Amino acid sequence: MTQPRRGPRMPVCAVVTQFDDGRGLGTVRADDGPILDFHCTAVADGSRHIEVGTRVVCWVGPGHGGRNEARHVAALDPA
């Protein structure tokens, strides 16, 4: 039996730690510790790209393989 997927019901502040344009995949490290994956379609401004090191706010939701992922990833200080 699988565990129910859970995530915070509030925005999480994080930093983009990786982003691969070719695959469209990235990771963020939440301020409270967890590392979350995200897909380029989760970038809130529609650009499908975000620079490594960018401070972001995102929501956490269930993803593929039973792991939580970052959703609606928005830069806190857009360039």
PDB file of N, CA and C in Angstrom:
ATOM      1  N   MET A   1       0.844  -1.185   0.000  1.00  0.00           N
ATOM      2  CA  MET A   1       0.000   0.000   0.000  1.00  0.00           C
ATOM      3  C   MET A   1       0.884   1.240   0.000  1.00  0.00           C
ATOM      4  N   THR A   2       0.564   2.193  -0.847  1.00  0.00           N
ATOM      5  CA  THR A   2       1.370   3.409  -0.933  1.00  0.00           C
ATOM      6  C   THR A   2       0.896   4.437   0.072  1.00  0.00           C
ATOM      7  N   GLN A   3       1.831   5.268   0.491  1.00  0.00           N
ATOM      8  CA  GLN A   3       1.511   6.361   1.403  1.00  0.00           C
ATOM      9  C   GLN A   3       0.786   7.458   0.638  1.00  0.00           C
ATOM     10  N   PRO A   4      -0.158   8.150   1.276  1.00  0.00           N
ATOM     11  CA  PRO A   4      -0.790   9.276   0.593  1.00  0.00           C
ATOM     12  C   PRO A   4       0.235  10.374   0.360  1.00  0.00           C
ATOM     13  N   ARG A   5       0.119  11.033  -0.770  1.00  0.00           N
ATOM     14  CA  ARG A   5       1.022  12.138  -1.082  1.00  0.00           C
ATOM     15  C   ARG A   5       0.558  13.358  -0.334  1.00  0.00           C
ATOM     16  N   ARG A   6       1.511  13.977   0.326  1.00  0.00           N
ATOM     17  CA  ARG A   6       1.165  15.173   1.091  1.00  0.00           C
ATOM     18  C   ARG A   6       2.144  16.286   0.777  1.00  0.00           C
ATOM     19  N   GLY A   7       1.683  17.488   0.870  1.00  0.00           N
ATOM     20  CA  GLY A   7       2.524  18.653   0.677  1.00  0.00           C
ATOM     21  C   GLY A   7       1.880  19.835   1.368  1.00  0.00           C
ATOM     22  N   PRO A   8       2.654  20.866   1.614  1.00  0.00           N
ATOM     23  CA  PRO A   8       2.095  22.035   2.281  1.00  0.00           C
ATOM     24  C   PRO A   8       1.006  22.680   1.439  1.00  0.00           C
ATOM     25  N   ARG A   9       0.043  23.259   2.070  1.00  0.00           N
ATOM     26  CA  ARG A   9      -1.047  23.946   1.385  1.00  0.00           C
ATOM     27  C   ARG A   9      -0.768  25.444   1.298  1.00  0.00           C
ATOM     28  N   MET A  10       0.506  25.812   1.386  1.00  0.00           N
ATOM     29  CA  MET A  10       0.901  27.213   1.303  1.00  0.00           C
ATOM     30  C   MET A  10       2.144  27.325   0.443  1.00  0.00           C
ATOM     31  N   PRO A  11       2.441  28.507  -0.047  1.00  0.00           N
ATOM     32  CA  PRO A  11       3.640  28.665  -0.875  1.00  0.00           C
ATOM     33  C   PRO A  11       4.915  28.358  -0.091  1.00  0.00           C
ATOM     34  N   VAL A  12       5.922  27.904  -0.812  1.00  0.00           N
ATOM     35  CA  VAL A  12       7.223  27.575  -0.231  1.00  0.00           C
ATOM     36  C   VAL A  12       8.271  28.434  -0.932  1.00  0.00           C
ATOM     37  N   CYS A  13       9.165  29.054  -0.170  1.00  0.00           N
ATOM     38  CA  CYS A  13      10.280  29.803  -0.758  1.00  0.00           C
ATOM     39  C   CYS A  13      11.431  28.827  -1.001  1.00  0.00           C
ATOM     40  N   ALA A  14      12.128  29.016  -2.118  1.00  0.00           N
ATOM     41  CA  ALA A  14      13.186  28.089  -2.505  1.00  0.00           C
ATOM     42  C   ALA A  14      14.189  28.783  -3.423  1.00  0.00           C
ATOM     43  N   VAL A  15      15.243  28.049  -3.775  1.00  0.00           N
ATOM     44  CA  VAL A  15      16.264  28.516  -4.714  1.00  0.00           C
ATOM     45  C   VAL A  15      16.408  27.454  -5.799  1.00  0.00           C
ATOM     46  N   VAL A  16      16.478  27.883  -7.058  1.00  0.00           N
ATOM     47  CA  VAL A  16      16.692  26.954  -8.165  1.00  0.00           C
ATOM     48  C   VAL A  16      18.134  26.460  -8.076  1.00  0.00           C
ATOM     49  N   THR A  17      18.314  25.138  -7.972  1.00  0.00           N
ATOM     50  CA  THR A  17      19.652  24.569  -7.846  1.00  0.00           C
ATOM     51  C   THR A  17      20.153  23.942  -9.142  1.00  0.00           C
ATOM     52  N   GLN A  18      19.227  23.534 -10.019  1.00  0.00           N
ATOM     53  CA  GLN A  18      19.602  22.972 -11.314  1.00  0.00           C
ATOM     54  C   GLN A  18      18.498  23.268 -12.309  1.00  0.00           C
ATOM     55  N   PHE A  19      18.904  23.413 -13.585  1.00  0.00           N
ATOM     56  CA  PHE A  19      17.916  23.497 -14.648  1.00  0.00           C
ATOM     57  C   PHE A  19      18.568  23.040 -15.943  1.00  0.00           C
ATOM     58  N   ASP A  20      17.953  22.073 -16.612  1.00  0.00           N
ATOM     59  CA  ASP A  20      18.456  21.514 -17.860  1.00  0.00           C
ATOM     60  C   ASP A  20      17.490  21.905 -18.976  1.00  0.00           C
ATOM     61  N   ASP A  21      17.902  22.871 -19.816  1.00  0.00           N
ATOM     62  CA  ASP A  21      17.041  23.337 -20.912  1.00  0.00           C
ATOM     63  C   ASP A  21      16.673  22.215 -21.869  1.00  0.00           C
ATOM     64  N   GLY A  22      17.611  21.326 -22.147  1.00  0.00           N
ATOM     65  CA  GLY A  22      17.372  20.251 -23.094  1.00  0.00           C
ATOM     66  C   GLY A  22      16.275  19.295 -22.646  1.00  0.00           C
ATOM     67  N   ARG A  23      16.241  18.988 -21.384  1.00  0.00           N
ATOM     68  CA  ARG A  23      15.234  18.067 -20.841  1.00  0.00           C
ATOM     69  C   ARG A  23      14.021  18.803 -20.301  1.00  0.00           C
ATOM     70  N   GLY A  24      14.177  20.103 -20.013  1.00  0.00           N
ATOM     71  CA  GLY A  24      13.071  20.867 -19.449  1.00  0.00           C
ATOM     72  C   GLY A  24      12.800  20.539 -18.001  1.00  0.00           C
ATOM     73  N   LEU A  25      13.836  20.070 -17.297  1.00  0.00           N
ATOM     74  CA  LEU A  25      13.674  19.677 -15.899  1.00  0.00           C
ATOM     75  C   LEU A  25      14.609  20.475 -15.003  1.00  0.00           C
ATOM     76  N   GLY A  26      14.142  20.739 -13.790  1.00  0.00           N
ATOM     77  CA  GLY A  26      14.963  21.449 -12.830  1.00  0.00           C
ATOM     78  C   GLY A  26      14.678  20.989 -11.427  1.00  0.00           C
ATOM     79  N   THR A  27      15.464  21.519 -10.487  1.00  0.00           N
ATOM     80  CA  THR A  27      15.240  21.249  -9.072  1.00  0.00           C
ATOM     81  C   THR A  27      15.333  22.551  -8.298  1.00  0.00           C
ATOM     82  N   VAL A  28      14.612  22.595  -7.199  1.00  0.00           N
ATOM     83  CA  VAL A  28      14.703  23.700  -6.253  1.00  0.00           C
ATOM     84  C   VAL A  28      14.968  23.120  -4.878  1.00  0.00           C
ATOM     85  N   ARG A  29      15.670  23.881  -4.048  1.00  0.00           N
ATOM     86  CA  ARG A  29      15.856  23.512  -2.646  1.00  0.00           C
ATOM     87  C   ARG A  29      15.029  24.473  -1.814  1.00  0.00           C
ATOM     88  N   ALA A  30      14.028  23.921  -1.144  1.00  0.00           N
ATOM     89  CA  ALA A  30      13.157  24.735  -0.295  1.00  0.00           C
ATOM     90  C   ALA A  30      13.952  25.263   0.896  1.00  0.00           C
ATOM     91  N   ASP A  31      13.571  26.433   1.385  1.00  0.00           N
ATOM     92  CA  ASP A  31      14.263  27.031   2.526  1.00  0.00           C
ATOM     93  C   ASP A  31      14.244  26.113   3.744  1.00  0.00           C
ATOM     94  N   ASP A  32      13.202  25.291   3.867  1.00  0.00           N
ATOM     95  CA  ASP A  32      13.123  24.382   5.008  1.00  0.00           C
ATOM     96  C   ASP A  32      13.757  23.022   4.715  1.00  0.00           C
ATOM     97  N   GLY A  33      14.487  22.901   3.578  1.00  0.00           N
ATOM     98  CA  GLY A  33      15.294  21.720   3.340  1.00  0.00           C
ATOM     99  C   GLY A  33      14.984  20.819   2.182  1.00  0.00           C
ATOM    100  N   PRO A  34      13.721  20.456   1.905  1.00  0.00           N
ATOM    101  CA  PRO A  34      13.482  19.467   0.858  1.00  0.00           C
ATOM    102  C   PRO A  34      13.920  19.938  -0.532  1.00  0.00           C
ATOM    103  N   ILE A  35      14.377  18.981  -1.336  1.00  0.00           N
ATOM    104  CA  ILE A  35      14.703  19.235  -2.728  1.00  0.00           C
ATOM    105  C   ILE A  35      13.527  18.740  -3.560  1.00  0.00           C
ATOM    106  N   LEU A  36      13.031  19.598  -4.440  1.00  0.00           N
ATOM    107  CA  LEU A  36      11.854  19.283  -5.240  1.00  0.00           C
ATOM    108  C   LEU A  36      12.181  19.431  -6.720  1.00  0.00           C
ATOM    109  N   ASP A  37      11.716  18.497  -7.520  1.00  0.00           N
ATOM    110  CA  ASP A  37      11.865  18.573  -8.966  1.00  0.00           C
ATOM    111  C   ASP A  37      10.737  19.425  -9.544  1.00  0.00           C
ATOM    112  N   PHE A  38      10.978  19.969 -10.745  1.00  0.00           N
ATOM    113  CA  PHE A  38       9.899  20.657 -11.462  1.00  0.00           C
ATOM    114  C   PHE A  38      10.134  20.537 -12.953  1.00  0.00           C
ATOM    115  N   HIS A  39       9.075  20.664 -13.718  1.00  0.00           N
ATOM    116  CA  HIS A  39       9.134  20.634 -15.174  1.00  0.00           C
ATOM    117  C   HIS A  39       9.058  22.069 -15.677  1.00  0.00           C
ATOM    118  N   CYS A  40       9.605  22.326 -16.855  1.00  0.00           N
ATOM    119  CA  CYS A  40       9.638  23.689 -17.392  1.00  0.00           C
ATOM    120  C   CYS A  40       8.241  24.295 -17.522  1.00  0.00           C
ATOM    121  N   THR A  41       7.214  23.470 -17.675  1.00  0.00           N
ATOM    122  CA  THR A  41       5.853  24.005 -17.779  1.00  0.00           C
ATOM    123  C   THR A  41       5.359  24.563 -16.449  1.00  0.00           C
ATOM    124  N   ALA A  42       6.092  24.311 -15.352  1.00  0.00           N
ATOM    125  CA  ALA A  42       5.711  24.844 -14.039  1.00  0.00           C
ATOM    126  C   ALA A  42       6.217  26.272 -13.825  1.00  0.00           C
ATOM    127  N   VAL A  43       7.059  26.778 -14.730  1.00  0.00           N
ATOM    128  CA  VAL A  43       7.568  28.149 -14.596  1.00  0.00           C
ATOM    129  C   VAL A  43       6.408  29.105 -14.851  1.00  0.00           C
ATOM    130  N   ALA A  44       6.098  29.904 -13.846  1.00  0.00           N
ATOM    131  CA  ALA A  44       4.872  30.698 -13.834  1.00  0.00           C
ATOM    132  C   ALA A  44       4.774  31.745 -14.936  1.00  0.00           C
ATOM    133  N   ASP A  45       5.908  32.309 -15.382  1.00  0.00           N
ATOM    134  CA  ASP A  45       5.818  33.383 -16.382  1.00  0.00           C
ATOM    135  C   ASP A  45       5.661  32.859 -17.807  1.00  0.00           C
ATOM    136  N   GLY A  46       5.625  31.536 -17.975  1.00  0.00           N
ATOM    137  CA  GLY A  46       5.417  30.953 -19.291  1.00  0.00           C
ATOM    138  C   GLY A  46       6.661  30.851 -20.153  1.00  0.00           C
ATOM    139  N   SER A  47       7.805  31.284 -19.649  1.00  0.00           N
ATOM    140  CA  SER A  47       9.035  31.288 -20.442  1.00  0.00           C
ATOM    141  C   SER A  47       9.655  29.902 -20.611  1.00  0.00           C
ATOM    142  N   ARG A  48       9.280  28.969 -19.750  1.00  0.00           N
ATOM    143  CA  ARG A  48       9.831  27.603 -19.746  1.00  0.00           C
ATOM    144  C   ARG A  48      11.320  27.582 -19.444  1.00  0.00           C
ATOM    145  N   HIS A  49      11.847  28.621 -18.807  1.00  0.00           N
ATOM    146  CA  HIS A  49      13.251  28.671 -18.397  1.00  0.00           C
ATOM    147  C   HIS A  49      13.355  29.515 -17.135  1.00  0.00           C
ATOM    148  N   ILE A  50      14.278  29.117 -16.269  1.00  0.00           N
ATOM    149  CA  ILE A  50      14.574  29.910 -15.074  1.00  0.00           C
ATOM    150  C   ILE A  50      16.041  29.677 -14.725  1.00  0.00           C
ATOM    151  N   GLU A  51      16.738  30.720 -14.356  1.00  0.00           N
ATOM    152  CA  GLU A  51      18.172  30.645 -14.096  1.00  0.00           C
ATOM    153  C   GLU A  51      18.469  29.974 -12.758  1.00  0.00           C
ATOM    154  N   VAL A  52      19.566  29.205 -12.728  1.00  0.00           N
ATOM    155  CA  VAL A  52      20.055  28.616 -11.488  1.00  0.00           C
ATOM    156  C   VAL A  52      20.421  29.750 -10.538  1.00  0.00           C
ATOM    157  N   GLY A  53      20.071  29.600  -9.278  1.00  0.00           N
ATOM    158  CA  GLY A  53      20.348  30.622  -8.265  1.00  0.00           C
ATOM    159  C   GLY A  53      19.199  31.577  -8.040  1.00  0.00           C
ATOM    160  N   THR A  54      18.162  31.520  -8.852  1.00  0.00           N
ATOM    161  CA  THR A  54      17.010  32.407  -8.716  1.00  0.00           C
ATOM    162  C   THR A  54      16.189  32.036  -7.484  1.00  0.00           C
ATOM    163  N   ARG A  55      15.863  33.041  -6.664  1.00  0.00           N
ATOM    164  CA  ARG A  55      14.957  32.820  -5.526  1.00  0.00           C
ATOM    165  C   ARG A  55      13.547  32.751  -6.082  1.00  0.00           C
ATOM    166  N   VAL A  56      12.813  31.741  -5.662  1.00  0.00           N
ATOM    167  CA  VAL A  56      11.466  31.518  -6.175  1.00  0.00           C
ATOM    168  C   VAL A  56      10.492  31.236  -5.046  1.00  0.00           C
ATOM    169  N   VAL A  57       9.233  31.341  -5.391  1.00  0.00           N
ATOM    170  CA  VAL A  57       8.159  30.855  -4.532  1.00  0.00           C
ATOM    171  C   VAL A  57       7.400  29.844  -5.376  1.00  0.00           C
ATOM    172  N   CYS A  58       6.999  28.734  -4.755  1.00  0.00           N
ATOM    173  CA  CYS A  58       6.308  27.683  -5.492  1.00  0.00           C
ATOM    174  C   CYS A  58       5.338  26.960  -4.559  1.00  0.00           C
ATOM    175  N   TRP A  59       4.483  26.179  -5.160  1.00  0.00           N
ATOM    176  CA  TRP A  59       3.569  25.324  -4.419  1.00  0.00           C
ATOM    177  C   TRP A  59       4.074  23.897  -4.535  1.00  0.00           C
ATOM    178  N   VAL A  60       3.749  23.057  -3.595  1.00  0.00           N
ATOM    179  CA  VAL A  60       4.170  21.664  -3.611  1.00  0.00           C
ATOM    180  C   VAL A  60       2.959  20.792  -3.879  1.00  0.00           C
ATOM    181  N   GLY A  61       3.121  19.839  -4.788  1.00  0.00           N
ATOM    182  CA  GLY A  61       2.024  18.934  -5.113  1.00  0.00           C
ATOM    183  C   GLY A  61       2.554  17.573  -5.497  1.00  0.00           C
ATOM    184  N   PRO A  62       1.680  16.605  -5.603  1.00  0.00           N
ATOM    185  CA  PRO A  62       2.115  15.252  -5.960  1.00  0.00           C
ATOM    186  C   PRO A  62       2.668  15.209  -7.383  1.00  0.00           C
ATOM    187  N   GLY A  63       3.732  14.447  -7.533  1.00  0.00           N
ATOM    188  CA  GLY A  63       4.360  14.320  -8.843  1.00  0.00           C
ATOM    189  C   GLY A  63       4.458  12.871  -9.263  1.00  0.00           C
ATOM    190  N   HIS A  64       5.285  12.634 -10.261  1.00  0.00           N
ATOM    191  CA  HIS A  64       5.468  11.279 -10.779  1.00  0.00           C
ATOM    192  C   HIS A  64       6.265  10.428  -9.795  1.00  0.00           C
ATOM    193  N   GLY A  65       5.955   9.169  -9.717  1.00  0.00           N
ATOM    194  CA  GLY A  65       6.704   8.244  -8.877  1.00  0.00           C
ATOM    195  C   GLY A  65       6.443   8.403  -7.392  1.00  0.00           C
ATOM    196  N   GLY A  66       5.376   9.116  -7.029  1.00  0.00           N
ATOM    197  CA  GLY A  66       5.025   9.251  -5.619  1.00  0.00           C
ATOM    198  C   GLY A  66       5.775  10.325  -4.861  1.00  0.00           C
ATOM    199  N   ARG A  67       6.618  11.075  -5.554  1.00  0.00           N
ATOM    200  CA  ARG A  67       7.360  12.155  -4.885  1.00  0.00           C
ATOM    201  C   ARG A  67       6.647  13.478  -5.093  1.00  0.00           C
ATOM    202  N   ASN A  68       6.786  14.371  -4.120  1.00  0.00           N
ATOM    203  CA  ASN A  68       6.247  15.720  -4.288  1.00  0.00           C
ATOM    204  C   ASN A  68       7.107  16.482  -5.288  1.00  0.00           C
ATOM    205  N   GLU A  69       6.505  17.449  -5.966  1.00  0.00           N
ATOM    206  CA  GLU A  69       7.236  18.282  -6.916  1.00  0.00           C
ATOM    207  C   GLU A  69       6.809  19.726  -6.748  1.00  0.00           C
ATOM    208  N   ALA A  70       7.654  20.629  -7.261  1.00  0.00           N
ATOM    209  CA  ALA A  70       7.333  22.065  -7.233  1.00  0.00           C
ATOM    210  C   ALA A  70       6.382  22.385  -8.375  1.00  0.00           C
ATOM    211  N   ARG A  71       5.419  23.208  -8.081  1.00  0.00           N
ATOM    212  CA  ARG A  71       4.444  23.652  -9.076  1.00  0.00           C
ATOM    213  C   ARG A  71       4.365  25.170  -9.039  1.00  0.00           C
ATOM    214  N   HIS A  72       3.986  25.776 -10.140  1.00  0.00           N
ATOM    215  CA  HIS A  72       3.840  27.232 -10.262  1.00  0.00           C
ATOM    216  C   HIS A  72       5.068  27.928  -9.654  1.00  0.00           C
ATOM    217  N   VAL A  73       6.217  27.705 -10.277  1.00  0.00           N
ATOM    218  CA  VAL A  73       7.491  28.239  -9.825  1.00  0.00           C
ATOM    219  C   VAL A  73       7.630  29.672 -10.326  1.00  0.00           C
ATOM    220  N   ALA A  74       7.609  30.627  -9.404  1.00  0.00           N
ATOM    221  CA  ALA A  74       7.648  32.047  -9.776  1.00  0.00           C
ATOM    222  C   ALA A  74       8.839  32.738  -9.120  1.00  0.00           C
ATOM    223  N   ALA A  75       9.601  33.480  -9.922  1.00  0.00           N
ATOM    224  CA  ALA A  75      10.752  34.229  -9.408  1.00  0.00           C
ATOM    225  C   ALA A  75      10.274  35.297  -8.440  1.00  0.00           C
ATOM    226  N   LEU A  76      10.982  35.435  -7.319  1.00  0.00           N
ATOM    227  CA  LEU A  76      10.648  36.477  -6.348  1.00  0.00           C
ATOM    228  C   LEU A  76      11.126  37.837  -6.822  1.00  0.00           C
ATOM    229  N   ASP A  77      12.275  37.873  -7.493  1.00  0.00           N
ATOM    230  CA  ASP A  77      12.829  39.111  -8.042  1.00  0.00           C
ATOM    231  C   ASP A  77      13.045  38.907  -9.530  1.00  0.00           C
ATOM    232  N   PRO A  78      11.991  39.026 -10.341  1.00  0.00           N
ATOM    233  CA  PRO A  78      12.154  38.780 -11.768  1.00  0.00           C
ATOM    234  C   PRO A  78      13.184  39.701 -12.394  1.00  0.00           C
ATOM    235  N   ALA A  79      14.005  39.141 -13.287  1.00  0.00           N
ATOM    236  CA  ALA A  79      15.072  39.929 -13.929  1.00  0.00           C
ATOM    237  C   ALA A  79      14.500  40.764 -15.052  1.00  0.00           C
TER     238      ALA A  79
END
